[in-house]
Amino acid sequence: MNVLFLCSQNRLRSPTAERVFGSRPGLEVQSAGLDRDAEIPVTPELVEWADVVFVMENHHRNKLSKRFRPYLRSKHVVCLDIPDEYDYMQPELVALLEARVTPRLGTHG
């Protein structure tokens, strides 16, 4: 399964998610940002690649839909409702990601 994590800048939340889930068996994981000046900006190719797209906040889902609607037809987009108040790999962020993402992937551990 190809999993894409998106936030605004691709500096804290989505790279944390990529690191947390990147070593899970059966998953290919990437992260990107929706802002034009993100560390790794999301592209149509990344959206096409993904089987499931996790966004951190509703405004990310809205921005994704506006910019990439033609590429989202068969995609499952999930909002995790994780606000931009955590540092990279902060234990509370890792725990939130584990709790909200793992059940949606059908994988454990």
PDB file of N, CA and C in Angstrom:
ATOM      1  N   MET A   1       0.842  -1.179   0.000  1.00  0.00           N
ATOM      2  CA  MET A   1       0.000   0.000   0.000  1.00  0.00           C
ATOM      3  C   MET A   1       0.890   1.245   0.000  1.00  0.00           C
ATOM      4  N   ASN A   2       0.561   2.182  -0.863  1.00  0.00           N
ATOM      5  CA  ASN A   2       1.289   3.452  -0.941  1.00  0.00           C
ATOM      6  C   ASN A   2       0.551   4.502  -0.115  1.00  0.00           C
ATOM      7  N   VAL A   3       1.250   5.077   0.873  1.00  0.00           N
ATOM      8  CA  VAL A   3       0.645   6.008   1.819  1.00  0.00           C
ATOM      9  C   VAL A   3       1.357   7.356   1.716  1.00  0.00           C
ATOM     10  N   LEU A   4       0.560   8.407   1.561  1.00  0.00           N
ATOM     11  CA  LEU A   4       1.094   9.766   1.480  1.00  0.00           C
ATOM     12  C   LEU A   4       0.567  10.578   2.654  1.00  0.00           C
ATOM     13  N   PHE A   5       1.491  11.217   3.385  1.00  0.00           N
ATOM     14  CA  PHE A   5       1.129  12.099   4.493  1.00  0.00           C
ATOM     15  C   PHE A   5       1.371  13.539   4.062  1.00  0.00           C
ATOM     16  N   LEU A   6       0.384  14.403   4.302  1.00  0.00           N
ATOM     17  CA  LEU A   6       0.486  15.800   3.910  1.00  0.00           C
ATOM     18  C   LEU A   6       0.213  16.733   5.082  1.00  0.00           C
ATOM     19  N   CYS A   7       1.034  17.781   5.159  1.00  0.00           N
ATOM     20  CA  CYS A   7       0.752  18.908   6.041  1.00  0.00           C
ATOM     21  C   CYS A   7       1.064  20.170   5.233  1.00  0.00           C
ATOM     22  N   SER A   8       1.310  21.275   5.882  1.00  0.00           N
ATOM     23  CA  SER A   8       1.546  22.521   5.151  1.00  0.00           C
ATOM     24  C   SER A   8       2.970  22.628   4.617  1.00  0.00           C
ATOM     25  N   GLN A   9       3.940  22.549   5.515  1.00  0.00           N
ATOM     26  CA  GLN A   9       5.335  22.813   5.159  1.00  0.00           C
ATOM     27  C   GLN A   9       6.188  21.562   4.955  1.00  0.00           C
ATOM     28  N   ASN A  10       5.691  20.404   5.348  1.00  0.00           N
ATOM     29  CA  ASN A  10       6.459  19.152   5.296  1.00  0.00           C
ATOM     30  C   ASN A  10       7.735  19.279   6.125  1.00  0.00           C
ATOM     31  N   ARG A  11       7.584  19.872   7.308  1.00  0.00           N
ATOM     32  CA  ARG A  11       8.742  20.028   8.197  1.00  0.00           C
ATOM     33  C   ARG A  11       8.582  19.293   9.523  1.00  0.00           C
ATOM     34  N   LEU A  12       7.353  19.136  10.010  1.00  0.00           N
ATOM     35  CA  LEU A  12       7.163  18.562  11.350  1.00  0.00           C
ATOM     36  C   LEU A  12       6.219  17.353  11.341  1.00  0.00           C
ATOM     37  N   ARG A  13       4.940  17.590  11.052  1.00  0.00           N
ATOM     38  CA  ARG A  13       3.954  16.517  11.194  1.00  0.00           C
ATOM     39  C   ARG A  13       4.080  15.429  10.131  1.00  0.00           C
ATOM     40  N   SER A  14       4.061  15.793   8.861  1.00  0.00           N
ATOM     41  CA  SER A  14       4.104  14.736   7.839  1.00  0.00           C
ATOM     42  C   SER A  14       5.452  14.004   7.798  1.00  0.00           C
ATOM     43  N   PRO A  15       6.595  14.681   7.996  1.00  0.00           N
ATOM     44  CA  PRO A  15       7.848  13.912   8.056  1.00  0.00           C
ATOM     45  C   PRO A  15       7.900  12.975   9.265  1.00  0.00           C
ATOM     46  N   THR A  16       7.281  13.385  10.379  1.00  0.00           N
ATOM     47  CA  THR A  16       7.202  12.491  11.533  1.00  0.00           C
ATOM     48  C   THR A  16       6.400  11.246  11.155  1.00  0.00           C
ATOM     49  N   ALA A  17       5.263  11.447  10.510  1.00  0.00           N
ATOM     50  CA  ALA A  17       4.433  10.314  10.091  1.00  0.00           C
ATOM     51  C   ALA A  17       5.195   9.412   9.122  1.00  0.00           C
ATOM     52  N   GLU A  18       5.935  10.013   8.196  1.00  0.00           N
ATOM     53  CA  GLU A  18       6.718   9.217   7.247  1.00  0.00           C
ATOM     54  C   GLU A  18       7.741   8.360   7.989  1.00  0.00           C
ATOM     55  N   ARG A  19       8.383   8.936   8.980  1.00  0.00           N
ATOM     56  CA  ARG A  19       9.386   8.186   9.734  1.00  0.00           C
ATOM     57  C   ARG A  19       8.739   7.081  10.575  1.00  0.00           C
ATOM     58  N   VAL A  20       7.613   7.393  11.217  1.00  0.00           N
ATOM     59  CA  VAL A  20       6.945   6.426  12.088  1.00  0.00           C
ATOM     60  C   VAL A  20       6.441   5.217  11.287  1.00  0.00           C
ATOM     61  N   PHE A  21       5.863   5.465  10.129  1.00  0.00           N
ATOM     62  CA  PHE A  21       5.233   4.383   9.370  1.00  0.00           C
ATOM     63  C   PHE A  21       6.088   3.856   8.225  1.00  0.00           C
ATOM     64  N   GLY A  22       7.217   4.496   7.973  1.00  0.00           N
ATOM     65  CA  GLY A  22       8.056   4.125   6.836  1.00  0.00           C
ATOM     66  C   GLY A  22       8.662   2.741   6.892  1.00  0.00           C
ATOM     67  N   SER A  23       8.800   2.173   8.074  1.00  0.00           N
ATOM     68  CA  SER A  23       9.419   0.850   8.175  1.00  0.00           C
ATOM     69  C   SER A  23       8.387  -0.264   8.351  1.00  0.00           C
ATOM     70  N   ARG A  24       7.111   0.071   8.241  1.00  0.00           N
ATOM     71  CA  ARG A  24       6.070  -0.949   8.389  1.00  0.00           C
ATOM     72  C   ARG A  24       6.062  -1.871   7.171  1.00  0.00           C
ATOM     73  N   PRO A  25       6.003  -3.169   7.395  1.00  0.00           N
ATOM     74  CA  PRO A  25       5.929  -4.098   6.262  1.00  0.00           C
ATOM     75  C   PRO A  25       4.667  -3.852   5.442  1.00  0.00           C
ATOM     76  N   GLY A  26       4.818  -3.913   4.151  1.00  0.00           N
ATOM     77  CA  GLY A  26       3.676  -3.752   3.262  1.00  0.00           C
ATOM     78  C   GLY A  26       3.305  -2.320   2.956  1.00  0.00           C
ATOM     79  N   LEU A  27       4.041  -1.367   3.516  1.00  0.00           N
ATOM     80  CA  LEU A  27       3.747   0.044   3.262  1.00  0.00           C
ATOM     81  C   LEU A  27       4.913   0.721   2.556  1.00  0.00           C
ATOM     82  N   GLU A  28       4.581   1.518   1.568  1.00  0.00           N
ATOM     83  CA  GLU A  28       5.519   2.474   0.987  1.00  0.00           C
ATOM     84  C   GLU A  28       4.995   3.833   1.429  1.00  0.00           C
ATOM     85  N   VAL A  29       5.845   4.641   2.048  1.00  0.00           N
ATOM     86  CA  VAL A  29       5.384   5.883   2.675  1.00  0.00           C
ATOM     87  C   VAL A  29       6.193   7.067   2.167  1.00  0.00           C
ATOM     88  N   GLN A  30       5.489   8.151   1.865  1.00  0.00           N
ATOM     89  CA  GLN A  30       6.129   9.414   1.516  1.00  0.00           C
ATOM     90  C   GLN A  30       5.366  10.534   2.205  1.00  0.00           C
ATOM     91  N   SER A  31       6.020  11.687   2.294  1.00  0.00           N
ATOM     92  CA  SER A  31       5.354  12.860   2.846  1.00  0.00           C
ATOM     93  C   SER A  31       5.674  14.065   1.978  1.00  0.00           C
ATOM     94  N   ALA A  32       4.792  15.053   2.066  1.00  0.00           N
ATOM     95  CA  ALA A  32       4.971  16.283   1.294  1.00  0.00           C
ATOM     96  C   ALA A  32       4.161  17.380   1.963  1.00  0.00           C
ATOM     97  N   GLY A  33       4.335  18.607   1.448  1.00  0.00           N
ATOM     98  CA  GLY A  33       3.609  19.751   1.973  1.00  0.00           C
ATOM     99  C   GLY A  33       2.753  20.393   0.904  1.00  0.00           C
ATOM    100  N   LEU A  34       1.673  21.008   1.342  1.00  0.00           N
ATOM    101  CA  LEU A  34       0.747  21.643   0.412  1.00  0.00           C
ATOM    102  C   LEU A  34       1.092  23.092   0.119  1.00  0.00           C
ATOM    103  N   ASP A  35       1.961  23.700   0.919  1.00  0.00           N
ATOM    104  CA  ASP A  35       2.372  25.073   0.624  1.00  0.00           C
ATOM    105  C   ASP A  35       3.407  25.066  -0.491  1.00  0.00           C
ATOM    106  N   ARG A  36       3.405  26.125  -1.269  1.00  0.00           N
ATOM    107  CA  ARG A  36       4.324  26.214  -2.409  1.00  0.00           C
ATOM    108  C   ARG A  36       5.794  26.172  -1.971  1.00  0.00           C
ATOM    109  N   ASP A  37       6.074  26.644  -0.745  1.00  0.00           N
ATOM    110  CA  ASP A  37       7.454  26.690  -0.260  1.00  0.00           C
ATOM    111  C   ASP A  37       7.762  25.536   0.707  1.00  0.00           C
ATOM    112  N   ALA A  38       6.995  24.466   0.616  1.00  0.00           N
ATOM    113  CA  ALA A  38       7.220  23.304   1.482  1.00  0.00           C
ATOM    114  C   ALA A  38       8.573  22.670   1.184  1.00  0.00           C
ATOM    115  N   GLU A  39       9.110  21.956   2.174  1.00  0.00           N
ATOM    116  CA  GLU A  39      10.385  21.242   1.981  1.00  0.00           C
ATOM    117  C   GLU A  39      10.304  20.344   0.748  1.00  0.00           C
ATOM    118  N   ILE A  40       9.250  19.532   0.683  1.00  0.00           N
ATOM    119  CA  ILE A  40       8.949  18.719  -0.496  1.00  0.00           C
ATOM    120  C   ILE A  40       7.502  19.034  -0.863  1.00  0.00           C
ATOM    121  N   PRO A  41       7.289  19.830  -1.902  1.00  0.00           N
ATOM    122  CA  PRO A  41       5.913  20.174  -2.288  1.00  0.00           C
ATOM    123  C   PRO A  41       5.204  18.965  -2.918  1.00  0.00           C
ATOM    124  N   VAL A  42       3.928  18.843  -2.618  1.00  0.00           N
ATOM    125  CA  VAL A  42       3.154  17.761  -3.214  1.00  0.00           C
ATOM    126  C   VAL A  42       3.030  17.996  -4.719  1.00  0.00           C
ATOM    127  N   THR A  43       3.034  16.899  -5.473  1.00  0.00           N
ATOM    128  CA  THR A  43       2.936  16.962  -6.928  1.00  0.00           C
ATOM    129  C   THR A  43       1.794  16.053  -7.389  1.00  0.00           C
ATOM    130  N   PRO A  44       1.321  16.256  -8.610  1.00  0.00           N
ATOM    131  CA  PRO A  44       0.309  15.335  -9.141  1.00  0.00           C
ATOM    132  C   PRO A  44       0.811  13.885  -9.146  1.00  0.00           C
ATOM    133  N   GLU A  45       2.090  13.701  -9.419  1.00  0.00           N
ATOM    134  CA  GLU A  45       2.656  12.347  -9.448  1.00  0.00           C
ATOM    135  C   GLU A  45       2.580  11.676  -8.081  1.00  0.00           C
ATOM    136  N   LEU A  46       2.859  12.434  -7.011  1.00  0.00           N
ATOM    137  CA  LEU A  46       2.754  11.876  -5.660  1.00  0.00           C
ATOM    138  C   LEU A  46       1.316  11.490  -5.333  1.00  0.00           C
ATOM    139  N   VAL A  47       0.381  12.335  -5.706  1.00  0.00           N
ATOM    140  CA  VAL A  47      -1.028  12.046  -5.433  1.00  0.00           C
ATOM    141  C   VAL A  47      -1.459  10.810  -6.212  1.00  0.00           C
ATOM    142  N   GLU A  48      -1.057  10.719  -7.467  1.00  0.00           N
ATOM    143  CA  GLU A  48      -1.391   9.540  -8.278  1.00  0.00           C
ATOM    144  C   GLU A  48      -0.786   8.271  -7.690  1.00  0.00           C
ATOM    145  N   TRP A  49       0.425   8.368  -7.158  1.00  0.00           N
ATOM    146  CA  TRP A  49       1.143   7.233  -6.584  1.00  0.00           C
ATOM    147  C   TRP A  49       0.419   6.662  -5.373  1.00  0.00           C
ATOM    148  N   ALA A  50      -0.208   7.517  -4.582  1.00  0.00           N
ATOM    149  CA  ALA A  50      -0.777   7.121  -3.292  1.00  0.00           C
ATOM    150  C   ALA A  50      -2.060   6.312  -3.435  1.00  0.00           C
ATOM    151  N   ASP A  51      -2.181   5.293  -2.570  1.00  0.00           N
ATOM    152  CA  ASP A  51      -3.448   4.578  -2.432  1.00  0.00           C
ATOM    153  C   ASP A  51      -4.330   5.276  -1.410  1.00  0.00           C
ATOM    154  N   VAL A  52      -3.701   5.832  -0.390  1.00  0.00           N
ATOM    155  CA  VAL A  52      -4.420   6.581   0.636  1.00  0.00           C
ATOM    156  C   VAL A  52      -3.609   7.829   0.981  1.00  0.00           C
ATOM    157  N   VAL A  53      -4.312   8.936   1.191  1.00  0.00           N
ATOM    158  CA  VAL A  53      -3.673  10.209   1.529  1.00  0.00           C
ATOM    159  C   VAL A  53      -4.189  10.638   2.897  1.00  0.00           C
ATOM    160  N   PHE A  54      -3.254  10.846   3.816  1.00  0.00           N
ATOM    161  CA  PHE A  54      -3.595  11.359   5.140  1.00  0.00           C
ATOM    162  C   PHE A  54      -3.219  12.831   5.203  1.00  0.00           C
ATOM    163  N   VAL A  55      -4.187  13.680   5.541  1.00  0.00           N
ATOM    164  CA  VAL A  55      -3.922  15.106   5.753  1.00  0.00           C
ATOM    165  C   VAL A  55      -4.053  15.387   7.244  1.00  0.00           C
ATOM    166  N   MET A  56      -3.333  16.391   7.714  1.00  0.00           N
ATOM    167  CA  MET A  56      -3.329  16.670   9.142  1.00  0.00           C
ATOM    168  C   MET A  56      -4.539  17.485   9.598  1.00  0.00           C
ATOM    169  N   GLU A  57      -5.059  18.388   8.731  1.00  0.00           N
ATOM    170  CA  GLU A  57      -6.162  19.258   9.115  1.00  0.00           C
ATOM    171  C   GLU A  57      -7.124  19.400   7.942  1.00  0.00           C
ATOM    172  N   ASN A  58      -8.361  19.820   8.247  1.00  0.00           N
ATOM    173  CA  ASN A  58      -9.368  19.967   7.196  1.00  0.00           C
ATOM    174  C   ASN A  58      -8.957  20.946   6.103  1.00  0.00           C
ATOM    175  N   HIS A  59      -8.272  22.018   6.480  1.00  0.00           N
ATOM    176  CA  HIS A  59      -7.885  22.980   5.441  1.00  0.00           C
ATOM    177  C   HIS A  59      -6.889  22.353   4.461  1.00  0.00           C
ATOM    178  N   HIS A  60      -6.158  21.326   4.900  1.00  0.00           N
ATOM    179  CA  HIS A  60      -5.274  20.600   3.977  1.00  0.00           C
ATOM    180  C   HIS A  60      -6.106  19.814   2.965  1.00  0.00           C
ATOM    181  N   ARG A  61      -7.182  19.192   3.449  1.00  0.00           N
ATOM    182  CA  ARG A  61      -8.066  18.448   2.536  1.00  0.00           C
ATOM    183  C   ARG A  61      -8.654  19.398   1.493  1.00  0.00           C
ATOM    184  N   ASN A  62      -9.074  20.583   1.939  1.00  0.00           N
ATOM    185  CA  ASN A  62      -9.655  21.558   1.019  1.00  0.00           C
ATOM    186  C   ASN A  62      -8.642  22.014  -0.018  1.00  0.00           C
ATOM    187  N   LYS A  63      -7.441  22.320   0.429  1.00  0.00           N
ATOM    188  CA  LYS A  63      -6.392  22.763  -0.485  1.00  0.00           C
ATOM    189  C   LYS A  63      -6.037  21.648  -1.474  1.00  0.00           C
ATOM    190  N   LEU A  64      -5.937  20.426  -0.976  1.00  0.00           N
ATOM    191  CA  LEU A  64      -5.640  19.276  -1.826  1.00  0.00           C
ATOM    192  C   LEU A  64      -6.723  19.112  -2.889  1.00  0.00           C
ATOM    193  N   SER A  65      -7.981  19.213  -2.483  1.00  0.00           N
ATOM    194  CA  SER A  65      -9.092  19.058  -3.425  1.00  0.00           C
ATOM    195  C   SER A  65      -9.085  20.138  -4.495  1.00  0.00           C
ATOM    196  N   LYS A  66      -8.801  21.355  -4.107  1.00  0.00           N
ATOM    197  CA  LYS A  66      -8.792  22.457  -5.075  1.00  0.00           C
ATOM    198  C   LYS A  66      -7.669  22.292  -6.100  1.00  0.00           C
ATOM    199  N   ARG A  67      -6.492  21.899  -5.635  1.00  0.00           N
ATOM    200  CA  ARG A  67      -5.332  21.853  -6.527  1.00  0.00           C
ATOM    201  C   ARG A  67      -5.178  20.543  -7.289  1.00  0.00           C
ATOM    202  N   PHE A  68      -5.705  19.456  -6.747  1.00  0.00           N
ATOM    203  CA  PHE A  68      -5.423  18.144  -7.330  1.00  0.00           C
ATOM    204  C   PHE A  68      -6.680  17.310  -7.581  1.00  0.00           C
ATOM    205  N   ARG A  69      -7.827  17.948  -7.723  1.00  0.00           N
ATOM    206  CA  ARG A  69      -9.090  17.231  -7.891  1.00  0.00           C
ATOM    207  C   ARG A  69      -9.024  16.136  -8.959  1.00  0.00           C
ATOM    208  N   PRO A  70      -8.460  16.372 -10.140  1.00  0.00           N
ATOM    209  CA  PRO A  70      -8.464  15.316 -11.169  1.00  0.00           C
ATOM    210  C   PRO A  70      -7.699  14.052 -10.748  1.00  0.00           C
ATOM    211  N   TYR A  71      -6.796  14.180  -9.803  1.00  0.00           N
ATOM    212  CA  TYR A  71      -5.967  13.046  -9.382  1.00  0.00           C
ATOM    213  C   TYR A  71      -6.546  12.322  -8.162  1.00  0.00           C
ATOM    214  N   LEU A  72      -7.640  12.842  -7.628  1.00  0.00           N
ATOM    215  CA  LEU A  72      -8.195  12.309  -6.386  1.00  0.00           C
ATOM    216  C   LEU A  72      -9.424  11.428  -6.588  1.00  0.00           C
ATOM    217  N   ARG A  73      -9.822  11.201  -7.827  1.00  0.00           N
ATOM    218  CA  ARG A  73     -11.064  10.491  -8.097  1.00  0.00           C
ATOM    219  C   ARG A  73     -11.178   9.157  -7.357  1.00  0.00           C
ATOM    220  N   SER A  74     -10.145   8.366  -7.358  1.00  0.00           N
ATOM    221  CA  SER A  74     -10.223   7.041  -6.734  1.00  0.00           C
ATOM    222  C   SER A  74      -9.424   6.970  -5.434  1.00  0.00           C
ATOM    223  N   LYS A  75      -9.104   8.113  -4.874  1.00  0.00           N
ATOM    224  CA  LYS A  75      -8.258   8.152  -3.672  1.00  0.00           C
ATOM    225  C   LYS A  75      -9.091   8.254  -2.408  1.00  0.00           C
ATOM    226  N   HIS A  76      -8.585   7.628  -1.381  1.00  0.00           N
ATOM    227  CA  HIS A  76      -9.177   7.753  -0.056  1.00  0.00           C
ATOM    228  C   HIS A  76      -8.368   8.813   0.693  1.00  0.00           C
ATOM    229  N   VAL A  77      -9.016   9.922   1.034  1.00  0.00           N
ATOM    230  CA  VAL A  77      -8.353  11.007   1.759  1.00  0.00           C
ATOM    231  C   VAL A  77      -8.906  11.034   3.181  1.00  0.00           C
ATOM    232  N   VAL A  78      -7.995  10.953   4.160  1.00  0.00           N
ATOM    233  CA  VAL A  78      -8.377  10.883   5.566  1.00  0.00           C
ATOM    234  C   VAL A  78      -7.792  12.081   6.307  1.00  0.00           C
ATOM    235  N   CYS A  79      -8.645  12.805   7.018  1.00  0.00           N
ATOM    236  CA  CYS A  79      -8.173  13.914   7.852  1.00  0.00           C
ATOM    237  C   CYS A  79      -7.913  13.393   9.261  1.00  0.00           C
ATOM    238  N   LEU A  80      -6.703  13.626   9.756  1.00  0.00           N
ATOM    239  CA  LEU A  80      -6.302  13.142  11.073  1.00  0.00           C
ATOM    240  C   LEU A  80      -6.611  14.114  12.210  1.00  0.00           C
ATOM    241  N   ASP A  81      -6.988  15.342  11.880  1.00  0.00           N
ATOM    242  CA  ASP A  81      -7.284  16.369  12.899  1.00  0.00           C
ATOM    243  C   ASP A  81      -6.146  16.533  13.899  1.00  0.00           C
ATOM    244  N   ILE A  82      -4.945  16.717  13.375  1.00  0.00           N
ATOM    245  CA  ILE A  82      -3.768  16.948  14.216  1.00  0.00           C
ATOM    246  C   ILE A  82      -3.283  18.374  13.964  1.00  0.00           C
ATOM    247  N   PRO A  83      -3.438  19.268  14.951  1.00  0.00           N
ATOM    248  CA  PRO A  83      -3.057  20.668  14.764  1.00  0.00           C
ATOM    249  C   PRO A  83      -1.541  20.852  14.695  1.00  0.00           C
ATOM    250  N   ASP A  84      -1.144  21.991  14.188  1.00  0.00           N
ATOM    251  CA  ASP A  84       0.273  22.316  14.004  1.00  0.00           C
ATOM    252  C   ASP A  84       0.842  22.868  15.310  1.00  0.00           C
ATOM    253  N   GLU A  85       0.978  21.981  16.295  1.00  0.00           N
ATOM    254  CA  GLU A  85       1.505  22.419  17.587  1.00  0.00           C
ATOM    255  C   GLU A  85       2.514  21.422  18.151  1.00  0.00           C
ATOM    256  N   TYR A  86       3.111  20.641  17.282  1.00  0.00           N
ATOM    257  CA  TYR A  86       4.068  19.621  17.719  1.00  0.00           C
ATOM    258  C   TYR A  86       5.397  19.778  16.991  1.00  0.00           C
ATOM    259  N   ASP A  87       6.458  19.349  17.649  1.00  0.00           N
ATOM    260  CA  ASP A  87       7.773  19.312  17.031  1.00  0.00           C
ATOM    261  C   ASP A  87       7.975  17.979  16.330  1.00  0.00           C
ATOM    262  N   TYR A  88       8.982  17.928  15.474  1.00  0.00           N
ATOM    263  CA  TYR A  88       9.328  16.701  14.773  1.00  0.00           C
ATOM    264  C   TYR A  88       9.618  15.584  15.776  1.00  0.00           C
ATOM    265  N   MET A  89       8.973  14.443  15.608  1.00  0.00           N
ATOM    266  CA  MET A  89       9.139  13.246  16.430  1.00  0.00           C
ATOM    267  C   MET A  89       8.791  13.471  17.912  1.00  0.00           C
ATOM    268  N   GLN A  90       8.036  14.519  18.227  1.00  0.00           N
ATOM    269  CA  GLN A  90       7.585  14.740  19.600  1.00  0.00           C
ATOM    270  C   GLN A  90       6.736  13.536  20.020  1.00  0.00           C
ATOM    271  N   PRO A  91       6.994  12.968  21.202  1.00  0.00           N
ATOM    272  CA  PRO A  91       6.282  11.753  21.620  1.00  0.00           C
ATOM    273  C   PRO A  91       4.756  11.866  21.550  1.00  0.00           C
ATOM    274  N   GLU A  92       4.210  13.022  21.883  1.00  0.00           N
ATOM    275  CA  GLU A  92       2.754  13.194  21.814  1.00  0.00           C
ATOM    276  C   GLU A  92       2.254  13.111  20.373  1.00  0.00           C
ATOM    277  N   LEU A  93       3.023  13.657  19.432  1.00  0.00           N
ATOM    278  CA  LEU A  93       2.670  13.581  18.014  1.00  0.00           C
ATOM    279  C   LEU A  93       2.746  12.137  17.529  1.00  0.00           C
ATOM    280  N   VAL A  94       3.801  11.433  17.900  1.00  0.00           N
ATOM    281  CA  VAL A  94       3.952  10.028  17.506  1.00  0.00           C
ATOM    282  C   VAL A  94       2.773   9.212  18.037  1.00  0.00           C
ATOM    283  N   ALA A  95       2.376   9.436  19.287  1.00  0.00           N
ATOM    284  CA  ALA A  95       1.256   8.704  19.875  1.00  0.00           C
ATOM    285  C   ALA A  95      -0.057   9.002  19.145  1.00  0.00           C
ATOM    286  N   LEU A  96      -0.284  10.262  18.801  1.00  0.00           N
ATOM    287  CA  LEU A  96      -1.487  10.633  18.046  1.00  0.00           C
ATOM    288  C   LEU A  96      -1.498   9.957  16.685  1.00  0.00           C
ATOM    289  N   LEU A  97      -0.376   9.994  15.994  1.00  0.00           N
ATOM    290  CA  LEU A  97      -0.294   9.361  14.673  1.00  0.00           C
ATOM    291  C   LEU A  97      -0.564   7.871  14.779  1.00  0.00           C
ATOM    292  N   GLU A  98       0.065   7.216  15.732  1.00  0.00           N
ATOM    293  CA  GLU A  98      -0.152   5.774  15.929  1.00  0.00           C
ATOM    294  C   GLU A  98      -1.630   5.479  16.151  1.00  0.00           C
ATOM    295  N   ALA A  99      -2.262   6.265  17.025  1.00  0.00           N
ATOM    296  CA  ALA A  99      -3.658   6.024  17.380  1.00  0.00           C
ATOM    297  C   ALA A  99      -4.612   6.280  16.223  1.00  0.00           C
ATOM    298  N   ARG A 100      -4.320   7.271  15.390  1.00  0.00           N
ATOM    299  CA  ARG A 100      -5.263   7.667  14.337  1.00  0.00           C
ATOM    300  C   ARG A 100      -4.983   7.027  12.986  1.00  0.00           C
ATOM    301  N   VAL A 101      -3.748   6.659  12.731  1.00  0.00           N
ATOM    302  CA  VAL A 101      -3.401   6.094  11.425  1.00  0.00           C
ATOM    303  C   VAL A 101      -3.468   4.573  11.422  1.00  0.00           C
ATOM    304  N   THR A 102      -2.890   3.939  12.423  1.00  0.00           N
ATOM    305  CA  THR A 102      -2.774   2.480  12.436  1.00  0.00           C
ATOM    306  C   THR A 102      -4.102   1.764  12.179  1.00  0.00           C
ATOM    307  N   PRO A 103      -5.213   2.153  12.839  1.00  0.00           N
ATOM    308  CA  PRO A 103      -6.477   1.441  12.583  1.00  0.00           C
ATOM    309  C   PRO A 103      -6.950   1.561  11.129  1.00  0.00           C
ATOM    310  N   ARG A 104      -6.576   2.632  10.461  1.00  0.00           N
ATOM    311  CA  ARG A 104      -7.011   2.856   9.082  1.00  0.00           C
ATOM    312  C   ARG A 104      -6.142   2.111   8.068  1.00  0.00           C
ATOM    313  N   LEU A 105      -5.020   1.593   8.523  1.00  0.00           N
ATOM    314  CA  LEU A 105      -4.136   0.870   7.627  1.00  0.00           C
ATOM    315  C   LEU A 105      -4.358  -0.642   7.680  1.00  0.00           C
ATOM    316  N   GLY A 106      -5.019  -1.084   8.736  1.00  0.00           N
ATOM    317  CA  GLY A 106      -5.217  -2.509   8.901  1.00  0.00           C
ATOM    318  C   GLY A 106      -3.933  -3.234   9.289  1.00  0.00           C
ATOM    319  N   THR A 107      -2.962  -2.461   9.824  1.00  0.00           N
ATOM    320  CA  THR A 107      -1.716  -3.058  10.279  1.00  0.00           C
ATOM    321  C   THR A 107      -1.518  -2.720  11.739  1.00  0.00           C
ATOM    322  N   HIS A 108      -0.730  -3.508  12.416  1.00  0.00           N
ATOM    323  CA  HIS A 108      -0.475  -3.262  13.844  1.00  0.00           C
ATOM    324  C   HIS A 108       1.005  -3.455  14.135  1.00  0.00           C
ATOM    325  N   GLY A 109       1.470  -2.774  15.161  1.00  0.00           N
ATOM    326  CA  GLY A 109       2.855  -2.963  15.593  1.00  0.00           C
ATOM    327  C   GLY A 109       3.803  -1.924  15.120  1.00  0.00           C
TER     328      GLY A 109
END
